[in-house]
Amino acid sequence: FVEAGNQLARVLESQALNDFGFSKRYIRCLQ
């Protein structure tokens, strides 16, 4: 159960980083 929780946290973290990087690029394009 702990391993599954760590894996889920990793996936959510990577998704958040991807979304943040995409929004950063998008803002740069707008400017």
PDB file of N, CA and C in Angstrom:
ATOM      1  N   PHE A   1       0.849  -1.210   0.000  1.00  0.00           N
ATOM      2  CA  PHE A   1       0.000   0.000   0.000  1.00  0.00           C
ATOM      3  C   PHE A   1       0.880   1.255   0.000  1.00  0.00           C
ATOM      4  N   VAL A   2       1.947   1.209   0.776  1.00  0.00           N
ATOM      5  CA  VAL A   2       2.843   2.372   0.828  1.00  0.00           C
ATOM      6  C   VAL A   2       3.489   2.596  -0.534  1.00  0.00           C
ATOM      7  N   GLU A   3       3.902   1.504  -1.168  1.00  0.00           N
ATOM      8  CA  GLU A   3       4.540   1.649  -2.487  1.00  0.00           C
ATOM      9  C   GLU A   3       3.568   2.264  -3.479  1.00  0.00           C
ATOM     10  N   ALA A   4       2.309   1.816  -3.449  1.00  0.00           N
ATOM     11  CA  ALA A   4       1.304   2.362  -4.367  1.00  0.00           C
ATOM     12  C   ALA A   4       1.113   3.849  -4.091  1.00  0.00           C
ATOM     13  N   GLY A   5       1.099   4.237  -2.812  1.00  0.00           N
ATOM     14  CA  GLY A   5       0.927   5.650  -2.472  1.00  0.00           C
ATOM     15  C   GLY A   5       2.094   6.478  -2.995  1.00  0.00           C
ATOM     16  N   ASN A   6       3.308   5.966  -2.835  1.00  0.00           N
ATOM     17  CA  ASN A   6       4.469   6.700  -3.335  1.00  0.00           C
ATOM     18  C   ASN A   6       4.408   6.845  -4.848  1.00  0.00           C
ATOM     19  N   GLN A   7       3.989   5.782  -5.533  1.00  0.00           N
ATOM     20  CA  GLN A   7       3.908   5.836  -6.992  1.00  0.00           C
ATOM     21  C   GLN A   7       2.872   6.872  -7.411  1.00  0.00           C
ATOM     22  N   LEU A   8       1.716   6.883  -6.740  1.00  0.00           N
ATOM     23  CA  LEU A   8       0.664   7.842  -7.072  1.00  0.00           C
ATOM     24  C   LEU A   8       1.168   9.266  -6.843  1.00  0.00           C
ATOM     25  N   ALA A   9       1.865   9.485  -5.731  1.00  0.00           N
ATOM     26  CA  ALA A   9       2.397  10.815  -5.438  1.00  0.00           C
ATOM     27  C   ALA A   9       3.381  11.229  -6.525  1.00  0.00           C
ATOM     28  N   ARG A  10       4.202  10.296  -6.991  1.00  0.00           N
ATOM     29  CA  ARG A  10       5.177  10.616  -8.044  1.00  0.00           C
ATOM     30  C   ARG A  10       4.451  11.023  -9.318  1.00  0.00           C
ATOM     31  N   VAL A  11       3.407  10.285  -9.679  1.00  0.00           N
ATOM     32  CA  VAL A  11       2.667  10.598 -10.912  1.00  0.00           C
ATOM     33  C   VAL A  11       2.037  11.982 -10.803  1.00  0.00           C
ATOM     34  N   LEU A  12       1.399  12.260  -9.670  1.00  0.00           N
ATOM     35  CA  LEU A  12       0.757  13.575  -9.496  1.00  0.00           C
ATOM     36  C   LEU A  12       1.814  14.673  -9.539  1.00  0.00           C
ATOM     37  N   GLU A  13       2.964  14.425  -8.916  1.00  0.00           N
ATOM     38  CA  GLU A  13       4.023  15.439  -8.896  1.00  0.00           C
ATOM     39  C   GLU A  13       4.526  15.707 -10.313  1.00  0.00           C
ATOM     40  N   SER A  14       4.758  14.649 -11.085  1.00  0.00           N
ATOM     41  CA  SER A  14       5.255  14.825 -12.455  1.00  0.00           C
ATOM     42  C   SER A  14       4.212  15.555 -13.294  1.00  0.00           C
ATOM     43  N   GLN A  15       2.939  15.235 -13.091  1.00  0.00           N
ATOM     44  CA  GLN A  15       1.885  15.911 -13.854  1.00  0.00           C
ATOM     45  C   GLN A  15       1.859  17.391 -13.496  1.00  0.00           C
ATOM     46  N   ALA A  16       1.996  17.722 -12.215  1.00  0.00           N
ATOM     47  CA  ALA A  16       1.981  19.116 -11.784  1.00  0.00           C
ATOM     48  C   ALA A  16       3.163  19.855 -12.415  1.00  0.00           C
ATOM     49  N   LEU A  17       4.344  19.226 -12.440  1.00  0.00           N
ATOM     50  CA  LEU A  17       5.510  19.869 -13.038  1.00  0.00           C
ATOM     51  C   LEU A  17       5.281  20.087 -14.524  1.00  0.00           C
ATOM     52  N   ASN A  18       4.690  19.110 -15.194  1.00  0.00           N
ATOM     53  CA  ASN A  18       4.429  19.253 -16.625  1.00  0.00           C
ATOM     54  C   ASN A  18       3.457  20.399 -16.873  1.00  0.00           C
ATOM     55  N   ASP A  19       2.386  20.467 -16.086  1.00  0.00           N
ATOM     56  CA  ASP A  19       1.404  21.537 -16.252  1.00  0.00           C
ATOM     57  C   ASP A  19       2.070  22.888 -16.005  1.00  0.00           C
ATOM     58  N   PHE A  20       2.899  22.976 -14.970  1.00  0.00           N
ATOM     59  CA  PHE A  20       3.556  24.240 -14.645  1.00  0.00           C
ATOM     60  C   PHE A  20       4.488  24.665 -15.782  1.00  0.00           C
ATOM     61  N   GLY A  21       5.262  23.719 -16.305  1.00  0.00           N
ATOM     62  CA  GLY A  21       6.175  24.028 -17.404  1.00  0.00           C
ATOM     63  C   GLY A  21       5.411  24.473 -18.635  1.00  0.00           C
ATOM     64  N   PHE A  22       4.273  23.828 -18.911  1.00  0.00           N
ATOM     65  CA  PHE A  22       3.468  24.182 -20.081  1.00  0.00           C
ATOM     66  C   PHE A  22       2.907  25.589 -19.916  1.00  0.00           C
ATOM     67  N   SER A  23       2.382  25.903 -18.720  1.00  0.00           N
ATOM     68  CA  SER A  23       1.812  27.227 -18.486  1.00  0.00           C
ATOM     69  C   SER A  23       2.911  28.285 -18.605  1.00  0.00           C
ATOM     70  N   LYS A  24       4.111  27.969 -18.133  1.00  0.00           N
ATOM     71  CA  LYS A  24       5.225  28.918 -18.234  1.00  0.00           C
ATOM     72  C   LYS A  24       5.524  29.204 -19.704  1.00  0.00           C
ATOM     73  N   ARG A  25       5.594  28.152 -20.526  1.00  0.00           N
ATOM     74  CA  ARG A  25       5.872  28.333 -21.949  1.00  0.00           C
ATOM     75  C   ARG A  25       4.750  29.136 -22.597  1.00  0.00           C
ATOM     76  N   TYR A  26       3.510  28.827 -22.193  1.00  0.00           N
ATOM     77  CA  TYR A  26       2.355  29.510 -22.783  1.00  0.00           C
ATOM     78  C   TYR A  26       2.412  31.008 -22.462  1.00  0.00           C
ATOM     79  N   ILE A  27       2.738  31.341 -21.202  1.00  0.00           N
ATOM     80  CA  ILE A  27       2.827  32.757 -20.809  1.00  0.00           C
ATOM     81  C   ILE A  27       3.941  33.434 -21.599  1.00  0.00           C
ATOM     82  N   ARG A  28       5.049  32.744 -21.795  1.00  0.00           N
ATOM     83  CA  ARG A  28       6.168  33.320 -22.540  1.00  0.00           C
ATOM     84  C   ARG A  28       5.735  33.623 -23.974  1.00  0.00           C
ATOM     85  N   CYS A  29       4.967  32.707 -24.580  1.00  0.00           N
ATOM     86  CA  CYS A  29       4.514  32.921 -25.958  1.00  0.00           C
ATOM     87  C   CYS A  29       3.586  34.126 -26.011  1.00  0.00           C
ATOM     88  N   LEU A  30       2.742  34.287 -24.997  1.00  0.00           N
ATOM     89  CA  LEU A  30       1.809  35.427 -24.995  1.00  0.00           C
ATOM     90  C   LEU A  30       2.588  36.735 -24.902  1.00  0.00           C
ATOM     91  N   GLN A  31       3.633  36.754 -24.104  1.00  0.00           N
ATOM     92  CA  GLN A  31       4.412  37.981 -23.968  1.00  0.00           C
ATOM     93  C   GLN A  31       5.214  38.218 -25.239  1.00  0.00           C
TER      94      GLN A  31
END
